[in-house]
C-alpha atoms as a PDB file:
ATOM      1  CA  MET A   1      19.830 -31.598  45.204  1.00  0.00           C
ATOM      2  CA  ARG A   2      16.759 -30.528  43.272  1.00  0.00           C
ATOM      3  CA  TYR A   3      16.066 -26.945  42.376  1.00  0.00           C
ATOM      4  CA  SER A   4      12.652 -25.641  43.351  1.00  0.00           C
ATOM      5  CA  SER A   5      10.583 -23.769  40.774  1.00  0.00           C
ATOM      6  CA  TYR A   6      11.473 -20.554  42.586  1.00  0.00           C
ATOM      7  CA  GLN A   7      15.207 -21.312  42.447  1.00  0.00           C
ATOM      8  CA  LYS A   8      14.980 -22.112  38.734  1.00  0.00           C
ATOM      9  CA  ALA A   9      13.147 -18.859  38.091  1.00  0.00           C
ATOM     10  CA  GLU A  10      15.737 -16.925  40.078  1.00  0.00           C
ATOM     11  CA  LYS A  11      18.553 -18.574  38.138  1.00  0.00           C
ATOM     12  CA  HIS A  12      16.861 -17.654  34.836  1.00  0.00           C
ATOM     13  CA  VAL A  13      16.424 -14.018  35.908  1.00  0.00           C
ATOM     14  CA  ARG A  14      20.072 -13.781  37.001  1.00  0.00           C
ATOM     15  CA  PHE A  15      21.177 -15.239  33.663  1.00  0.00           C
ATOM     16  CA  ARG A  16      19.130 -12.708  31.681  1.00  0.00           C
ATOM     17  CA  LYS A  17      20.453  -9.835  33.804  1.00  0.00           C
ATOM     18  CA  LEU A  18      24.020 -11.037  33.274  1.00  0.00           C
ATOM     19  CA  PHE A  19      23.463 -11.282  29.529  1.00  0.00           C
ATOM     20  CA  ALA A  20      21.890  -7.825  29.392  1.00  0.00           C
ATOM     21  CA  ALA A  21      24.888  -6.368  31.232  1.00  0.00           C
ATOM     22  CA  ALA A  22      27.304  -8.150  28.898  1.00  0.00           C
ATOM     23  CA  LEU A  23      25.355  -6.930  25.869  1.00  0.00           C
ATOM     24  CA  VAL A  24      25.495  -3.313  27.037  1.00  0.00           C
ATOM     25  CA  LEU A  25      29.224  -3.633  27.791  1.00  0.00           C
ATOM     26  CA  GLY A  26      29.881  -5.116  24.363  1.00  0.00           C
ATOM     27  CA  CYS A  27      28.056  -2.246  22.715  1.00  0.00           C
ATOM     28  CA  ALA A  28      29.973   0.303  24.779  1.00  0.00           C
ATOM     29  CA  LEU A  29      33.300  -1.230  23.751  1.00  0.00           C
ATOM     30  CA  GLY A  30      32.229  -1.485  20.119  1.00  0.00           C
ATOM     31  CA  THR A  31      31.942  -4.449  17.777  1.00  0.00           C
ATOM     32  CA  ALA A  32      33.892  -5.579  14.772  1.00  0.00           C
ATOM     33  CA  VAL A  33      32.709  -4.079  11.511  1.00  0.00           C
ATOM     34  CA  HIS A  34      30.357  -6.559   9.860  1.00  0.00           C
ATOM     35  CA  ALA A  35      31.123  -7.392   6.232  1.00  0.00           C
ATOM     36  CA  SER A  36      28.400  -6.079   3.959  1.00  0.00           C
ATOM     37  CA  ALA A  37      27.534  -5.686   0.302  1.00  0.00           C
ATOM     38  CA  GLU A  38      28.786  -2.281  -0.809  1.00  0.00           C
ATOM     39  CA  ASP A  39      25.397  -0.988  -1.913  1.00  0.00           C
ATOM     40  CA  LEU A  40      23.826  -1.946   1.422  1.00  0.00           C
ATOM     41  CA  THR A  41      26.454  -0.198   3.547  1.00  0.00           C
ATOM     42  CA  PRO A  42      25.117   2.680   5.674  1.00  0.00           C
ATOM     43  CA  PRO A  43      26.570   6.145   4.983  1.00  0.00           C
ATOM     44  CA  VAL A  44      29.902   7.113   6.504  1.00  0.00           C
ATOM     45  CA  GLY A  45      29.434   8.172  10.119  1.00  0.00           C
ATOM     46  CA  ASN A  46      27.358   5.152  11.141  1.00  0.00           C
ATOM     47  CA  VAL A  47      28.857   2.267  13.115  1.00  0.00           C
ATOM     48  CA  GLU A  48      27.596  -1.214  13.941  1.00  0.00           C
ATOM     49  CA  PHE A  49      26.522  -1.767  17.539  1.00  0.00           C
ATOM     50  CA  LEU A  50      24.542  -5.016  17.411  1.00  0.00           C
ATOM     51  CA  SER A  51      24.601  -8.147  15.237  1.00  0.00           C
ATOM     52  CA  THR A  52      21.788 -10.710  15.527  1.00  0.00           C
ATOM     53  CA  HIS A  53      20.389 -13.795  13.830  1.00  0.00           C
ATOM     54  CA  ALA A  54      16.649 -13.962  13.204  1.00  0.00           C
ATOM     55  CA  VAL A  55      14.146 -16.740  12.614  1.00  0.00           C
ATOM     56  CA  GLY A  56      10.601 -15.943  11.533  1.00  0.00           C
ATOM     57  CA  THR A  57       8.028 -15.898   8.751  1.00  0.00           C
ATOM     58  CA  GLN A  58       7.212 -13.744   5.733  1.00  0.00           C
ATOM     59  CA  GLY A  59       3.504 -13.301   5.053  1.00  0.00           C
ATOM     60  CA  TYR A  60       1.882 -13.328   1.604  1.00  0.00           C
ATOM     61  CA  VAL A  61      -1.639 -12.856   0.328  1.00  0.00           C
ATOM     62  CA  CYS A  62      -2.993 -13.901  -3.085  1.00  0.00           C
ATOM     63  CA  LEU A  63      -4.288 -10.849  -4.983  1.00  0.00           C
ATOM     64  CA  PRO A  64      -5.664 -10.293  -8.506  1.00  0.00           C
ATOM     65  CA  GLN A  65      -3.126  -9.585 -11.244  1.00  0.00           C
ATOM     66  CA  GLY A  66      -4.235  -9.111 -14.827  1.00  0.00           C
ATOM     67  CA  THR A  67      -6.542 -12.003 -15.700  1.00  0.00           C
ATOM     68  CA  GLY A  68      -5.090 -14.186 -12.957  1.00  0.00           C
ATOM     69  CA  ALA A  69      -3.547 -13.761  -9.524  1.00  0.00           C
ATOM     70  CA  SER A  70      -0.151 -13.645  -7.807  1.00  0.00           C
ATOM     71  CA  TRP A  71       1.345 -13.728  -4.314  1.00  0.00           C
ATOM     72  CA  THR A  72       1.932 -10.301  -2.764  1.00  0.00           C
ATOM     73  CA  VAL A  73       3.700  -9.446   0.491  1.00  0.00           C
ATOM     74  CA  ASN A  74       1.059  -9.397   3.203  1.00  0.00           C
ATOM     75  CA  GLY A  75       0.556  -6.294   5.345  1.00  0.00           C
ATOM     76  CA  ALA A  76       1.895  -8.385   8.217  1.00  0.00           C
ATOM     77  CA  ARG A  77       5.380  -8.310   6.647  1.00  0.00           C
ATOM     78  CA  PRO A  78       8.093 -10.347   8.352  1.00  0.00           C
ATOM     79  CA  GLU A  79       7.573 -11.413  11.943  1.00  0.00           C
ATOM     80  CA  ALA A  80      10.690 -12.720  13.624  1.00  0.00           C
ATOM     81  CA  THR A  81      12.642 -13.268  16.815  1.00  0.00           C
ATOM     82  CA  LEU A  82      16.226 -12.012  16.892  1.00  0.00           C
ATOM     83  CA  PHE A  83      18.869 -13.880  18.892  1.00  0.00           C
ATOM     84  CA  GLN A  84      22.444 -13.526  20.095  1.00  0.00           C
ATOM     85  CA  LYS A  85      24.627 -16.319  21.395  1.00  0.00           C
ATOM     86  CA  PHE A  86      25.776 -16.021  25.018  1.00  0.00           C
ATOM     87  CA  LEU A  87      27.619 -18.773  26.857  1.00  0.00           C
ATOM     88  CA  GLY A  88      26.628 -21.166  24.079  1.00  0.00           C
ATOM     89  CA  ARG A  89      22.930 -20.367  24.278  1.00  0.00           C
ATOM     90  CA  ASP A  90      20.676 -18.453  21.872  1.00  0.00           C
ATOM     91  CA  ILE A  91      19.162 -15.577  23.855  1.00  0.00           C
ATOM     92  CA  GLN A  92      16.250 -13.556  22.510  1.00  0.00           C
ATOM     93  CA  VAL A  93      17.237  -9.888  22.281  1.00  0.00           C
ATOM     94  CA  ILE A  94      14.675  -8.319  19.913  1.00  0.00           C
ATOM     95  CA  THR A  95      11.269  -9.027  18.377  1.00  0.00           C
ATOM     96  CA  HIS A  96      10.403  -7.889  14.842  1.00  0.00           C
ATOM     97  CA  PHE A  97       6.836  -7.149  13.762  1.00  0.00           C
ATOM     98  CA  LEU A  98       4.524  -4.526  12.256  1.00  0.00           C
ATOM     99  CA  SER A  99       3.106  -1.641  14.319  1.00  0.00           C
ATOM    100  CA  PRO A 100       2.103   2.032  13.931  1.00  0.00           C
ATOM    101  CA  ASP A 101       5.001   4.492  14.122  1.00  0.00           C
ATOM    102  CA  THR A 102       3.953   6.529  17.158  1.00  0.00           C
ATOM    103  CA  ASN A 103       7.073   8.717  17.299  1.00  0.00           C
ATOM    104  CA  PRO A 104       8.147   9.448  13.702  1.00  0.00           C
ATOM    105  CA  ASN A 105      11.301  11.372  12.863  1.00  0.00           C
ATOM    106  CA  LYS A 106      11.879  13.877  10.054  1.00  0.00           C
ATOM    107  CA  ILE A 107      12.661  11.071   7.589  1.00  0.00           C
ATOM    108  CA  ALA A 108       9.312   9.295   8.120  1.00  0.00           C
ATOM    109  CA  PRO A 109       6.870   9.373   5.171  1.00  0.00           C
ATOM    110  CA  ASN A 110       3.899  11.709   5.348  1.00  0.00           C
ATOM    111  CA  PRO A 111       1.277  10.403   5.627  1.00  0.00           C
ATOM    112  CA  LEU A 112       2.511   7.474   7.658  1.00  0.00           C
ATOM    113  CA  PRO A 113       1.488   3.959   6.553  1.00  0.00           C
ATOM    114  CA  PHE A 114      -0.976   2.090   8.756  1.00  0.00           C
ATOM    115  CA  GLY A 115       1.976   0.116  10.137  1.00  0.00           C
ATOM    116  CA  SER A 116       5.765   0.064   9.782  1.00  0.00           C
ATOM    117  CA  ALA A 117       8.467  -2.554  10.303  1.00  0.00           C
ATOM    118  CA  THR A 118       9.289  -2.528  14.008  1.00  0.00           C
ATOM    119  CA  TRP A 119      12.097  -3.879  16.193  1.00  0.00           C
ATOM    120  CA  GLN A 120      11.549  -3.953  19.974  1.00  0.00           C
ATOM    121  CA  SER A 121      14.199  -4.714  22.591  1.00  0.00           C
ATOM    122  CA  SER A 122      13.449  -7.749  24.758  1.00  0.00           C
ATOM    123  CA  PHE A 123      15.316  -6.108  27.658  1.00  0.00           C
ATOM    124  CA  ASP A 124      14.050  -2.514  27.937  1.00  0.00           C
ATOM    125  CA  SER A 125      11.155  -2.467  25.388  1.00  0.00           C
ATOM    126  CA  SER A 126      12.667   0.434  23.417  1.00  0.00           C
ATOM    127  CA  ARG A 127      11.583   0.464  19.767  1.00  0.00           C
ATOM    128  CA  VAL A 128      12.811   1.529  16.369  1.00  0.00           C
ATOM    129  CA  TRP A 129      10.737   1.759  13.187  1.00  0.00           C
ATOM    130  CA  ALA A 130      12.436   1.579   9.793  1.00  0.00           C
ATOM    131  CA  GLN A 131      11.672   1.580   6.071  1.00  0.00           C
ATOM    132  CA  LYS A 132      13.505   0.030   3.126  1.00  0.00           C
ATOM    133  CA  LEU A 133      16.156   2.295   1.631  1.00  0.00           C
ATOM    134  CA  LYS A 134      17.973  -0.149  -0.677  1.00  0.00           C
ATOM    135  CA  SER A 135      17.701  -3.810  -1.627  1.00  0.00           C
ATOM    136  CA  THR A 136      19.741  -6.423  -3.447  1.00  0.00           C
ATOM    137  CA  PRO A 137      18.551  -9.828  -4.719  1.00  0.00           C
ATOM    138  CA  ALA A 138      19.522 -12.889  -2.736  1.00  0.00           C
ATOM    139  CA  GLY A 139      22.378 -14.719  -4.433  1.00  0.00           C
ATOM    140  CA  SER A 140      23.972 -11.496  -5.687  1.00  0.00           C
ATOM    141  CA  ASP A 141      26.787 -11.369  -3.111  1.00  0.00           C
ATOM    142  CA  PRO A 142      28.654 -14.550  -2.092  1.00  0.00           C
ATOM    143  CA  THR A 143      29.622 -13.131   1.304  1.00  0.00           C
ATOM    144  CA  THR A 144      26.568 -11.315   2.643  1.00  0.00           C
ATOM    145  CA  CYS A 145      23.641 -12.383   0.458  1.00  0.00           C
ATOM    146  CA  PRO A 146      24.562 -15.794  -0.990  1.00  0.00           C
ATOM    147  CA  ASN A 147      21.326 -17.784  -0.983  1.00  0.00           C
ATOM    148  CA  ALA A 148      19.649 -17.421  -4.372  1.00  0.00           C
ATOM    149  CA  GLY A 149      15.878 -17.666  -4.254  1.00  0.00           C
ATOM    150  CA  ALA A 150      15.557 -16.197  -0.763  1.00  0.00           C
ATOM    151  CA  ILE A 151      13.973 -12.849   0.078  1.00  0.00           C
ATOM    152  CA  ASP A 152      16.039  -9.758  -0.742  1.00  0.00           C
ATOM    153  CA  CYS A 153      18.804  -8.402   1.435  1.00  0.00           C
ATOM    154  CA  LEU A 154      18.030  -4.877   2.605  1.00  0.00           C
ATOM    155  CA  LEU A 155      19.319  -1.626   4.020  1.00  0.00           C
ATOM    156  CA  LEU A 156      16.621   0.011   6.128  1.00  0.00           C
ATOM    157  CA  GLN A 157      16.624   3.516   7.585  1.00  0.00           C
ATOM    158  CA  SER A 158      15.081   4.528  10.878  1.00  0.00           C
ATOM    159  CA  ILE A 159      11.842   6.511  10.567  1.00  0.00           C
ATOM    160  CA  GLY A 160      11.165   6.764  14.297  1.00  0.00           C
ATOM    161  CA  SER A 161      12.035   5.418  17.725  1.00  0.00           C
ATOM    162  CA  LEU A 162      10.579   5.282  21.214  1.00  0.00           C
ATOM    163  CA  GLU A 163      11.981   4.757  24.698  1.00  0.00           C
ATOM    164  CA  GLY A 164      10.741   1.831  26.758  1.00  0.00           C
ATOM    165  CA  PRO A 165       8.156   2.429  29.504  1.00  0.00           C
ATOM    166  CA  SER A 166      10.953   2.729  32.100  1.00  0.00           C
ATOM    167  CA  GLY A 167      13.118   4.981  29.960  1.00  0.00           C
ATOM    168  CA  GLY A 168      15.090   2.268  28.141  1.00  0.00           C
ATOM    169  CA  LYS A 169      17.034   3.576  25.141  1.00  0.00           C
ATOM    170  CA  PHE A 170      18.856   0.542  23.769  1.00  0.00           C
ATOM    171  CA  LEU A 171      17.371   0.834  20.254  1.00  0.00           C
ATOM    172  CA  THR A 172      16.443   4.523  20.174  1.00  0.00           C
ATOM    173  CA  LYS A 173      19.712   5.674  18.585  1.00  0.00           C
ATOM    174  CA  THR A 174      19.437   3.203  15.702  1.00  0.00           C
ATOM    175  CA  THR A 175      19.982   4.935  12.360  1.00  0.00           C
ATOM    176  CA  PHE A 176      20.174   2.007   9.915  1.00  0.00           C
ATOM    177  CA  ILE A 177      19.488  -1.744   9.902  1.00  0.00           C
ATOM    178  CA  GLN A 178      20.891  -4.296   7.475  1.00  0.00           C
ATOM    179  CA  ARG A 179      19.105  -7.549   6.633  1.00  0.00           C
ATOM    180  CA  LEU A 180      21.770  -9.927   5.303  1.00  0.00           C
ATOM    181  CA  ASN A 181      22.312 -13.645   4.671  1.00  0.00           C
ATOM    182  CA  THR A 182      18.632 -14.235   4.012  1.00  0.00           C
ATOM    183  CA  LYS A 183      17.455 -17.812   3.613  1.00  0.00           C
ATOM    184  CA  GLY A 184      13.927 -18.781   2.562  1.00  0.00           C
ATOM    185  CA  GLY A 185      10.952 -16.453   2.826  1.00  0.00           C
ATOM    186  CA  SER A 186      10.179 -16.132  -0.891  1.00  0.00           C
ATOM    187  CA  ALA A 187       6.642 -16.418  -2.211  1.00  0.00           C
ATOM    188  CA  PRO A 188       5.487 -19.968  -3.063  1.00  0.00           C
ATOM    189  CA  ALA A 189       5.839 -21.082  -6.672  1.00  0.00           C
ATOM    190  CA  ASP A 190       2.224 -22.256  -6.839  1.00  0.00           C
ATOM    191  CA  GLY A 191      -1.154 -21.928  -5.146  1.00  0.00           C
ATOM    192  CA  CYS A 192      -1.950 -18.461  -6.504  1.00  0.00           C
ATOM    193  CA  SER A 193      -2.517 -18.220 -10.238  1.00  0.00           C
ATOM    194  CA  VAL A 194      -6.253 -18.023 -10.953  1.00  0.00           C
ATOM    195  CA  SER A 195      -9.055 -15.804  -9.681  1.00  0.00           C
ATOM    196  CA  SER A 196     -10.419 -18.554  -7.435  1.00  0.00           C
ATOM    197  CA  ASP A 197      -7.135 -18.427  -5.465  1.00  0.00           C
ATOM    198  CA  VAL A 198      -7.606 -14.756  -4.537  1.00  0.00           C
ATOM    199  CA  GLY A 199      -7.737 -14.258  -0.775  1.00  0.00           C
ATOM    200  CA  LYS A 200      -5.471 -17.180   0.138  1.00  0.00           C
ATOM    201  CA  GLN A 201      -2.732 -16.387   2.661  1.00  0.00           C
ATOM    202  CA  THR A 202       0.471 -18.140   3.604  1.00  0.00           C
ATOM    203  CA  LEU A 203       3.415 -17.740   5.990  1.00  0.00           C
ATOM    204  CA  VAL A 204       6.814 -18.758   4.630  1.00  0.00           C
ATOM    205  CA  PRO A 205       9.658 -19.470   7.100  1.00  0.00           C
ATOM    206  CA  TYR A 206      12.852 -17.430   6.713  1.00  0.00           C
ATOM    207  CA  SER A 207      16.057 -16.619   8.534  1.00  0.00           C
ATOM    208  CA  ALA A 208      18.422 -13.658   8.246  1.00  0.00           C
ATOM    209  CA  ASP A 209      21.062 -11.621  10.026  1.00  0.00           C
ATOM    210  CA  TYR A 210      19.970  -8.185  11.242  1.00  0.00           C
ATOM    211  CA  ILE A 211      22.791  -5.690  11.861  1.00  0.00           C
ATOM    212  CA  PHE A 212      22.042  -2.461  13.758  1.00  0.00           C
ATOM    213  CA  PHE A 213      23.930   0.845  13.356  1.00  0.00           C
ATOM    214  CA  HIS A 214      23.955   4.171  15.170  1.00  0.00           C
ATOM    215  CA  GLY A 215      25.669   7.484  14.522  1.00  0.00           C
ATOM    216  CA  ASN A 216      29.382   7.644  15.288  1.00  0.00           C
ATOM    217  CA  GLU A 217      29.246  10.037  18.228  1.00  0.00           C
END
């Protein structure tokens, strides 16, 4: 028996709803504490509620430096899709990009940058904005940041959050985000060394684990 396009669409919607319900239940019951480098551990009183794996790109632009030029992180910053496994399938749960912080908290810088690192829920469109608090070089920790030559592992702190258009709050209580197990994403070794290279841009693939924390209420 063949499924019609409508039946396939209905099956997909039911699957996403089931996953969303399971995700919420898992968060309510709590998750195992994720191993982390000591200097990237959030302060006491914060607990993990979501662990994801991300695939994306890190942007760079070639800018003048001294008498030559060098690659610099582009204003676009990382852009990535965050996944969780459910019933053996990778399901998109969050998108990561740059956007203006439209609901800053008391920790947000003043003035705000033109755009901040953003994570948006794929289920209820709630958002959290965060800025780097601490970093450690890739390859410095064999458990959580083992891949030398990759982009840094980070601890980021929330600088704002926003409910989804229908009142979704999945990410609004986020206090800290870890970026661990980075692979790739570092600036190219060549292509930006002389003044004639200035203005070149490149996107470098990377992957990482993003771990989300909220206050222990």
